[in-house]
Amino acid sequence: MEDFFHPDWSPFAGLNRQTGDMPAVNIHESKDAYTVEVAVPGFAKDEIRLQIENGMLTISGEHQTPAPGAEVKDEKTTRREFSYNLFSRSFSLPADALENDIDASWDKGILHIRLPRQQAESTSPQTKTIAIR
């Protein structure tokens, strides 16, 4: 495991680099939610998988690129320098994230994940007198 954020700052404990290329991630925090943006250009929406297990959010993707030597009709590839085949990143969810209400959307190669936060009950300051025995 490798720390993604400075441990004193981040509600996300870290990431798990398993295989493949690592997409860039932005994480924003507001009083209502955490928002995770994942840059996955070249992947289709149906090639991305989100899974929550034991307090971990795992974002993974698998993109099938043509096998070497596989040619498109009337086209021959003479050079291939980029390929996004497989990735997986895992983040520990913050304790106040509502796992059952996570929402995800896709827009122009960016995956947007919204993790609503449990609202802390506001406690008004109370004065209490302690009797001395």
C-alpha atoms as a PDB file:
ATOM      1  CA  MET A   1       0.000   0.000   0.000  1.00  0.00           C
ATOM      2  CA  GLU A   2       1.131   3.477  -0.812  1.00  0.00           C
ATOM      3  CA  ASP A   3      -0.291   6.657   0.751  1.00  0.00           C
ATOM      4  CA  PHE A   4      -2.263   8.721  -1.740  1.00  0.00           C
ATOM      5  CA  PHE A   5      -2.686  11.729   0.495  1.00  0.00           C
ATOM      6  CA  HIS A   6      -0.772  12.953   3.487  1.00  0.00           C
ATOM      7  CA  PRO A   7      -2.259  10.773   6.268  1.00  0.00           C
ATOM      8  CA  ASP A   8      -3.173  13.771   8.460  1.00  0.00           C
ATOM      9  CA  TRP A   9      -5.293  15.293   5.710  1.00  0.00           C
ATOM     10  CA  SER A  10      -7.034  12.608   3.758  1.00  0.00           C
ATOM     11  CA  PRO A  11     -10.172  10.718   4.616  1.00  0.00           C
ATOM     12  CA  PHE A  12      -9.008   8.174   2.011  1.00  0.00           C
ATOM     13  CA  ALA A  13      -6.281   6.029   3.519  1.00  0.00           C
ATOM     14  CA  GLY A  14      -4.477   5.100   0.336  1.00  0.00           C
ATOM     15  CA  LEU A  15      -4.481   3.251  -2.893  1.00  0.00           C
ATOM     16  CA  ASN A  16      -3.718  -0.217  -4.008  1.00  0.00           C
ATOM     17  CA  ARG A  17      -1.814  -0.472  -7.288  1.00  0.00           C
ATOM     18  CA  GLN A  18      -2.541  -3.924  -8.608  1.00  0.00           C
ATOM     19  CA  THR A  19      -1.945  -3.959 -12.325  1.00  0.00           C
ATOM     20  CA  GLY A  20      -1.730  -1.797 -15.388  1.00  0.00           C
ATOM     21  CA  ASP A  21      -1.844   1.926 -15.906  1.00  0.00           C
ATOM     22  CA  MET A  22      -3.089   4.170 -13.121  1.00  0.00           C
ATOM     23  CA  PRO A  23      -5.654   6.786 -14.119  1.00  0.00           C
ATOM     24  CA  ALA A  24      -5.338  10.239 -12.601  1.00  0.00           C
ATOM     25  CA  VAL A  25      -7.752  10.935  -9.746  1.00  0.00           C
ATOM     26  CA  ASN A  26      -9.060  14.164  -8.188  1.00  0.00           C
ATOM     27  CA  ILE A  27     -10.838  13.981  -4.834  1.00  0.00           C
ATOM     28  CA  HIS A  28     -12.921  16.871  -3.524  1.00  0.00           C
ATOM     29  CA  GLU A  29     -14.542  17.171  -0.121  1.00  0.00           C
ATOM     30  CA  SER A  30     -17.532  19.286   0.897  1.00  0.00           C
ATOM     31  CA  LYS A  31     -19.668  19.228   4.003  1.00  0.00           C
ATOM     32  CA  ASP A  32     -22.232  17.066   2.167  1.00  0.00           C
ATOM     33  CA  ALA A  33     -20.135  14.678   0.078  1.00  0.00           C
ATOM     34  CA  TYR A  34     -16.830  13.462  -1.271  1.00  0.00           C
ATOM     35  CA  THR A  35     -16.460  13.630  -5.037  1.00  0.00           C
ATOM     36  CA  VAL A  36     -13.972  11.469  -6.897  1.00  0.00           C
ATOM     37  CA  GLU A  37     -13.104  12.240 -10.516  1.00  0.00           C
ATOM     38  CA  VAL A  38     -11.238   9.542 -12.425  1.00  0.00           C
ATOM     39  CA  ALA A  39      -9.676  10.280 -15.828  1.00  0.00           C
ATOM     40  CA  VAL A  40     -10.111   7.206 -18.006  1.00  0.00           C
ATOM     41  CA  PRO A  41      -9.807   8.371 -21.614  1.00  0.00           C
ATOM     42  CA  GLY A  42     -10.144   5.634 -24.176  1.00  0.00           C
ATOM     43  CA  PHE A  43     -12.390   3.529 -21.948  1.00  0.00           C
ATOM     44  CA  ALA A  44     -16.091   3.132 -22.615  1.00  0.00           C
ATOM     45  CA  LYS A  45     -18.543   3.460 -19.738  1.00  0.00           C
ATOM     46  CA  ASP A  46     -19.306  -0.273 -19.845  1.00  0.00           C
ATOM     47  CA  GLU A  47     -15.583  -1.127 -19.491  1.00  0.00           C
ATOM     48  CA  ILE A  48     -15.441   0.455 -16.005  1.00  0.00           C
ATOM     49  CA  ARG A  49     -16.442  -1.349 -12.805  1.00  0.00           C
ATOM     50  CA  LEU A  50     -17.083   0.113  -9.342  1.00  0.00           C
ATOM     51  CA  GLN A  51     -17.226  -2.165  -6.337  1.00  0.00           C
ATOM     52  CA  ILE A  52     -17.460  -1.633  -2.591  1.00  0.00           C
ATOM     53  CA  GLU A  53     -16.247  -4.370  -0.300  1.00  0.00           C
ATOM     54  CA  ASN A  54     -15.235  -4.175   3.368  1.00  0.00           C
ATOM     55  CA  GLY A  55     -15.037  -0.380   3.373  1.00  0.00           C
ATOM     56  CA  MET A  56     -12.967  -0.218   0.172  1.00  0.00           C
ATOM     57  CA  LEU A  57     -14.029   1.440  -3.076  1.00  0.00           C
ATOM     58  CA  THR A  58     -12.379  -0.271  -6.036  1.00  0.00           C
ATOM     59  CA  ILE A  59     -12.412   1.338  -9.458  1.00  0.00           C
ATOM     60  CA  SER A  60     -11.253  -0.952 -12.248  1.00  0.00           C
ATOM     61  CA  GLY A  61     -11.358  -1.060 -15.989  1.00  0.00           C
ATOM     62  CA  GLU A  62     -10.479  -3.387 -18.792  1.00  0.00           C
ATOM     63  CA  HIS A  63     -10.163  -2.231 -22.368  1.00  0.00           C
ATOM     64  CA  GLN A  64      -9.702  -4.759 -25.140  1.00  0.00           C
ATOM     65  CA  THR A  65      -7.192  -3.467 -27.658  1.00  0.00           C
ATOM     66  CA  PRO A  66      -6.685  -5.387 -30.867  1.00  0.00           C
ATOM     67  CA  ALA A  67      -4.166  -8.181 -30.514  1.00  0.00           C
ATOM     68  CA  PRO A  68      -0.810  -7.653 -32.230  1.00  0.00           C
ATOM     69  CA  GLY A  69      -1.164  -8.644 -35.856  1.00  0.00           C
ATOM     70  CA  ALA A  70      -4.938  -8.207 -35.816  1.00  0.00           C
ATOM     71  CA  GLU A  71      -5.699  -5.825 -38.624  1.00  0.00           C
ATOM     72  CA  VAL A  72      -8.746  -3.766 -39.436  1.00  0.00           C
ATOM     73  CA  LYS A  73     -10.068  -4.260 -42.942  1.00  0.00           C
ATOM     74  CA  ASP A  74      -7.969  -2.270 -45.439  1.00  0.00           C
ATOM     75  CA  GLU A  75      -5.728  -0.987 -42.653  1.00  0.00           C
ATOM     76  CA  LYS A  76      -2.388  -2.067 -41.263  1.00  0.00           C
ATOM     77  CA  THR A  77      -0.955  -0.762 -37.991  1.00  0.00           C
ATOM     78  CA  THR A  78       2.674   0.161 -38.459  1.00  0.00           C
ATOM     79  CA  ARG A  79       3.229   1.523 -34.969  1.00  0.00           C
ATOM     80  CA  ARG A  80       1.306   1.277 -31.666  1.00  0.00           C
ATOM     81  CA  GLU A  81       2.524   3.458 -28.780  1.00  0.00           C
ATOM     82  CA  PHE A  82      -0.487   3.773 -26.539  1.00  0.00           C
ATOM     83  CA  SER A  83      -2.716   1.228 -24.944  1.00  0.00           C
ATOM     84  CA  TYR A  84      -4.960   1.328 -21.899  1.00  0.00           C
ATOM     85  CA  ASN A  85      -5.573  -2.287 -21.109  1.00  0.00           C
ATOM     86  CA  LEU A  86      -6.240  -2.851 -17.427  1.00  0.00           C
ATOM     87  CA  PHE A  87      -6.213  -0.862 -14.212  1.00  0.00           C
ATOM     88  CA  SER A  88      -7.432  -1.165 -10.663  1.00  0.00           C
ATOM     89  CA  ARG A  89      -7.319   1.389  -7.849  1.00  0.00           C
ATOM     90  CA  SER A  90      -8.719   0.929  -4.370  1.00  0.00           C
ATOM     91  CA  PHE A  91      -9.451   3.565  -1.756  1.00  0.00           C
ATOM     92  CA  SER A  92     -10.478   3.161   1.870  1.00  0.00           C
ATOM     93  CA  LEU A  93     -13.801   4.861   2.346  1.00  0.00           C
ATOM     94  CA  PRO A  94     -14.046   7.531   5.021  1.00  0.00           C
ATOM     95  CA  ALA A  95     -16.038   6.504   8.089  1.00  0.00           C
ATOM     96  CA  ASP A  96     -18.739   9.098   7.353  1.00  0.00           C
ATOM     97  CA  ALA A  97     -19.337   8.013   3.722  1.00  0.00           C
ATOM     98  CA  LEU A  98     -22.795   6.566   3.107  1.00  0.00           C
ATOM     99  CA  GLU A  99     -21.935   3.423   1.144  1.00  0.00           C
ATOM    100  CA  ASN A 100     -25.540   2.685   0.120  1.00  0.00           C
ATOM    101  CA  ASP A 101     -26.014   6.123  -1.485  1.00  0.00           C
ATOM    102  CA  ILE A 102     -22.929   6.275  -3.735  1.00  0.00           C
ATOM    103  CA  ASP A 103     -23.690   7.549  -7.220  1.00  0.00           C
ATOM    104  CA  ALA A 104     -21.562   7.484 -10.376  1.00  0.00           C
ATOM    105  CA  SER A 105     -21.822   9.214 -13.731  1.00  0.00           C
ATOM    106  CA  TRP A 106     -19.762   9.324 -16.918  1.00  0.00           C
ATOM    107  CA  ASP A 107     -18.923  12.396 -18.999  1.00  0.00           C
ATOM    108  CA  LYS A 108     -16.355  12.617 -21.813  1.00  0.00           C
ATOM    109  CA  GLY A 109     -13.849  10.124 -20.408  1.00  0.00           C
ATOM    110  CA  ILE A 110     -14.211  11.285 -16.796  1.00  0.00           C
ATOM    111  CA  LEU A 111     -15.886   9.074 -14.219  1.00  0.00           C
ATOM    112  CA  HIS A 112     -17.573  11.115 -11.462  1.00  0.00           C
ATOM    113  CA  ILE A 113     -18.284   9.312  -8.183  1.00  0.00           C
ATOM    114  CA  ARG A 114     -20.264  11.044  -5.430  1.00  0.00           C
ATOM    115  CA  LEU A 115     -20.066   9.652  -1.916  1.00  0.00           C
ATOM    116  CA  PRO A 116     -22.597  11.388   0.336  1.00  0.00           C
ATOM    117  CA  ARG A 117     -21.489  12.057   3.889  1.00  0.00           C
ATOM    118  CA  GLN A 118     -23.420  11.179   7.004  1.00  0.00           C
ATOM    119  CA  GLN A 119     -24.409  14.407   8.649  1.00  0.00           C
ATOM    120  CA  ALA A 120     -23.127  14.680  12.180  1.00  0.00           C
ATOM    121  CA  GLU A 121     -25.764  15.454  14.703  1.00  0.00           C
ATOM    122  CA  SER A 122     -25.186  18.924  16.007  1.00  0.00           C
ATOM    123  CA  THR A 123     -24.827  18.999  19.706  1.00  0.00           C
ATOM    124  CA  SER A 124     -25.567  22.254  21.389  1.00  0.00           C
ATOM    125  CA  PRO A 125     -23.251  23.123  24.240  1.00  0.00           C
ATOM    126  CA  GLN A 126     -24.828  22.224  27.530  1.00  0.00           C
ATOM    127  CA  THR A 127     -23.951  23.308  31.007  1.00  0.00           C
ATOM    128  CA  LYS A 128     -24.030  20.716  33.697  1.00  0.00           C
ATOM    129  CA  THR A 129     -23.440  21.275  37.396  1.00  0.00           C
ATOM    130  CA  ILE A 130     -21.665  18.467  39.193  1.00  0.00           C
ATOM    131  CA  ALA A 131     -22.579  17.940  42.811  1.00  0.00           C
ATOM    132  CA  ILE A 132     -19.647  17.526  45.174  1.00  0.00           C
ATOM    133  CA  ARG A 133     -20.026  14.669  47.647  1.00  0.00           C
END
